[in-house]
C-alpha cells in the first residue's frame, strides 16, 4: 500500500506537472480527477461487458484480458489521487470500512 500511495503522490506532483494537473486551483483539480474517475469507471464497465461477452460479436474480437486488468488499476489509481487531493487518508478509510463491514457481518 505504501508504494501505491507514493506512486499516487508522484503522479500528482512530479508527473502531474506535465499531464494530470495544469491548474493550481484545487477545486478545478478535484473536479478534473472526479471526471477522470468517471471516465475510468466507464472504461472498466466496457471491459467487463467484453469479458462477460455481453457485446456484439465484432466488438468481442477486440477484447484483451490485459485491458481488463489495466482498467481496474486505472480506477484504483485515480480514486487514490482524488482522495489525496481531498485530504482523505485512503488507507485509514479502507481499514475503517473493512472494520465496519466485519462488525455488520459479525465477522471477528
Protein backbone atom coordinates (compact mmCIF):
# COMPACT_ATOMS: atom_id res chain seq x y z
CA UNK A 1 0.00 0.00 0.00
CA UNK A 2 2.86 2.37 0.82
CA UNK A 3 4.31 2.05 -2.68
CA UNK A 4 0.88 2.66 -4.22
CA UNK A 5 0.35 5.82 -2.14
CA UNK A 6 3.83 7.10 -3.01
CA UNK A 7 3.18 6.48 -6.70
CA UNK A 8 -0.11 8.41 -6.46
CA UNK A 9 1.79 11.30 -4.82
CA UNK A 10 4.31 11.24 -7.65
CA UNK A 11 1.57 11.40 -10.30
CA UNK A 12 0.09 14.43 -8.53
CA UNK A 13 3.38 16.25 -8.17
CA UNK A 14 6.29 15.45 -10.50
CA UNK A 15 4.43 13.73 -13.32
CA UNK A 16 1.36 15.86 -12.73
CA UNK A 17 3.25 18.97 -13.80
CA UNK A 18 3.09 17.68 -17.34
CA UNK A 19 -0.03 15.57 -17.58
CA UNK A 20 -2.66 15.33 -14.86
CA UNK A 21 -2.95 18.85 -13.49
CA UNK A 22 -2.33 22.03 -15.35
CA UNK A 23 -4.22 24.28 -12.94
CA UNK A 24 -3.23 25.36 -9.43
CA UNK A 25 -6.87 25.87 -8.41
CA UNK A 26 -7.58 22.91 -6.10
CA UNK A 27 -11.28 22.93 -6.89
CA UNK A 28 -10.53 22.54 -10.59
CA UNK A 29 -8.01 19.79 -9.85
CA UNK A 30 -10.55 17.91 -7.74
CA UNK A 31 -13.21 18.30 -10.40
CA UNK A 32 -10.80 17.10 -13.11
CA UNK A 33 -9.95 13.98 -11.11
CA UNK A 34 -13.63 13.31 -10.41
CA UNK A 35 -14.33 13.47 -14.14
CA UNK A 36 -11.30 11.26 -14.81
CA UNK A 37 -12.66 8.72 -12.32
CA UNK A 38 -16.00 8.70 -14.15
CA UNK A 39 -14.15 8.07 -17.41
CA UNK A 40 -12.13 5.22 -15.92
CA UNK A 41 -15.21 3.57 -14.38
CA UNK A 42 -16.92 3.74 -17.78
CA UNK A 43 -13.86 2.13 -19.42
CA UNK A 44 -13.83 -0.61 -16.77
CA UNK A 45 -17.55 -1.18 -17.34
CA UNK A 46 -16.89 -1.60 -21.06
CA UNK A 47 -14.13 -4.09 -20.36
CA UNK A 48 -16.44 -6.05 -18.06
CA UNK A 49 -19.04 -6.21 -20.83
CA UNK A 50 -16.39 -7.57 -23.20
CA UNK A 51 -15.09 -10.00 -20.57
CA UNK A 52 -18.56 -11.42 -19.97
CA UNK A 53 -19.40 -11.49 -23.69
CA UNK A 54 -22.27 -9.01 -23.48
CA UNK A 55 -21.21 -7.16 -26.62
CA UNK A 56 -21.75 -7.66 -30.30
CA UNK A 57 -19.56 -10.38 -31.80
CA UNK A 58 -17.49 -7.91 -33.85
CA UNK A 59 -16.64 -5.95 -30.68
CA UNK A 60 -15.74 -9.13 -28.79
CA UNK A 61 -12.78 -9.70 -31.13
CA UNK A 62 -11.12 -6.55 -29.73
CA UNK A 63 -11.25 -7.76 -26.10
CA UNK A 64 -7.99 -8.33 -24.24
CA UNK A 65 -7.69 -9.69 -20.67
CA UNK A 66 -4.79 -7.27 -20.16
CA UNK A 67 -7.13 -4.34 -20.87
CA UNK A 68 -9.45 -5.52 -18.11
CA UNK A 69 -6.66 -5.57 -15.52
CA UNK A 70 -5.38 -2.19 -16.73
CA UNK A 71 -8.81 -0.62 -16.22
CA UNK A 72 -9.11 -1.99 -12.68
CA UNK A 73 -5.72 -0.44 -11.92
CA UNK A 74 -6.73 2.89 -13.50
CA UNK A 75 -9.86 3.11 -11.34
CA UNK A 76 -7.84 2.42 -8.18
CA UNK A 77 -5.09 4.92 -9.02
CA UNK A 78 -7.46 7.72 -9.95
CA UNK A 79 -9.50 7.07 -6.79
CA UNK A 80 -6.36 7.36 -4.67
CA UNK A 81 -5.32 10.57 -6.43
CA UNK A 82 -8.76 12.08 -5.86
CA UNK A 83 -8.68 11.08 -2.19
CA UNK A 84 -5.26 12.70 -1.79
CA UNK A 85 -6.45 15.93 -3.41
CA UNK A 86 -9.35 15.98 -0.97
CA UNK A 87 -7.12 15.23 2.05
CA UNK A 88 -8.71 11.83 2.64
CA UNK A 89 -6.43 9.28 4.29
CA UNK A 90 -7.44 6.44 1.99
CA UNK A 91 -5.51 3.81 3.93
CA UNK A 92 -7.35 4.65 7.16
CA UNK A 93 -10.64 4.96 5.28
CA UNK A 94 -10.22 1.45 3.88
CA UNK A 95 -9.29 0.00 7.26
CA UNK A 96 -12.30 1.70 8.89
CA UNK A 97 -14.65 0.46 6.15
CA UNK A 98 -13.36 -3.10 6.47
CA UNK A 99 -13.91 -2.97 10.23
CA UNK A 100 -17.48 -1.67 9.76
CA UNK A 101 -18.24 -4.46 7.31
CA UNK A 102 -16.80 -7.05 9.69
CA UNK A 103 -18.90 -5.71 12.56
CA UNK A 104 -22.05 -5.65 10.42
CA UNK A 105 -21.40 -9.21 9.33
CA UNK A 106 -20.46 -10.46 12.79
CA UNK A 107 -17.05 -11.48 11.43
CA UNK A 108 -14.34 -11.32 14.03
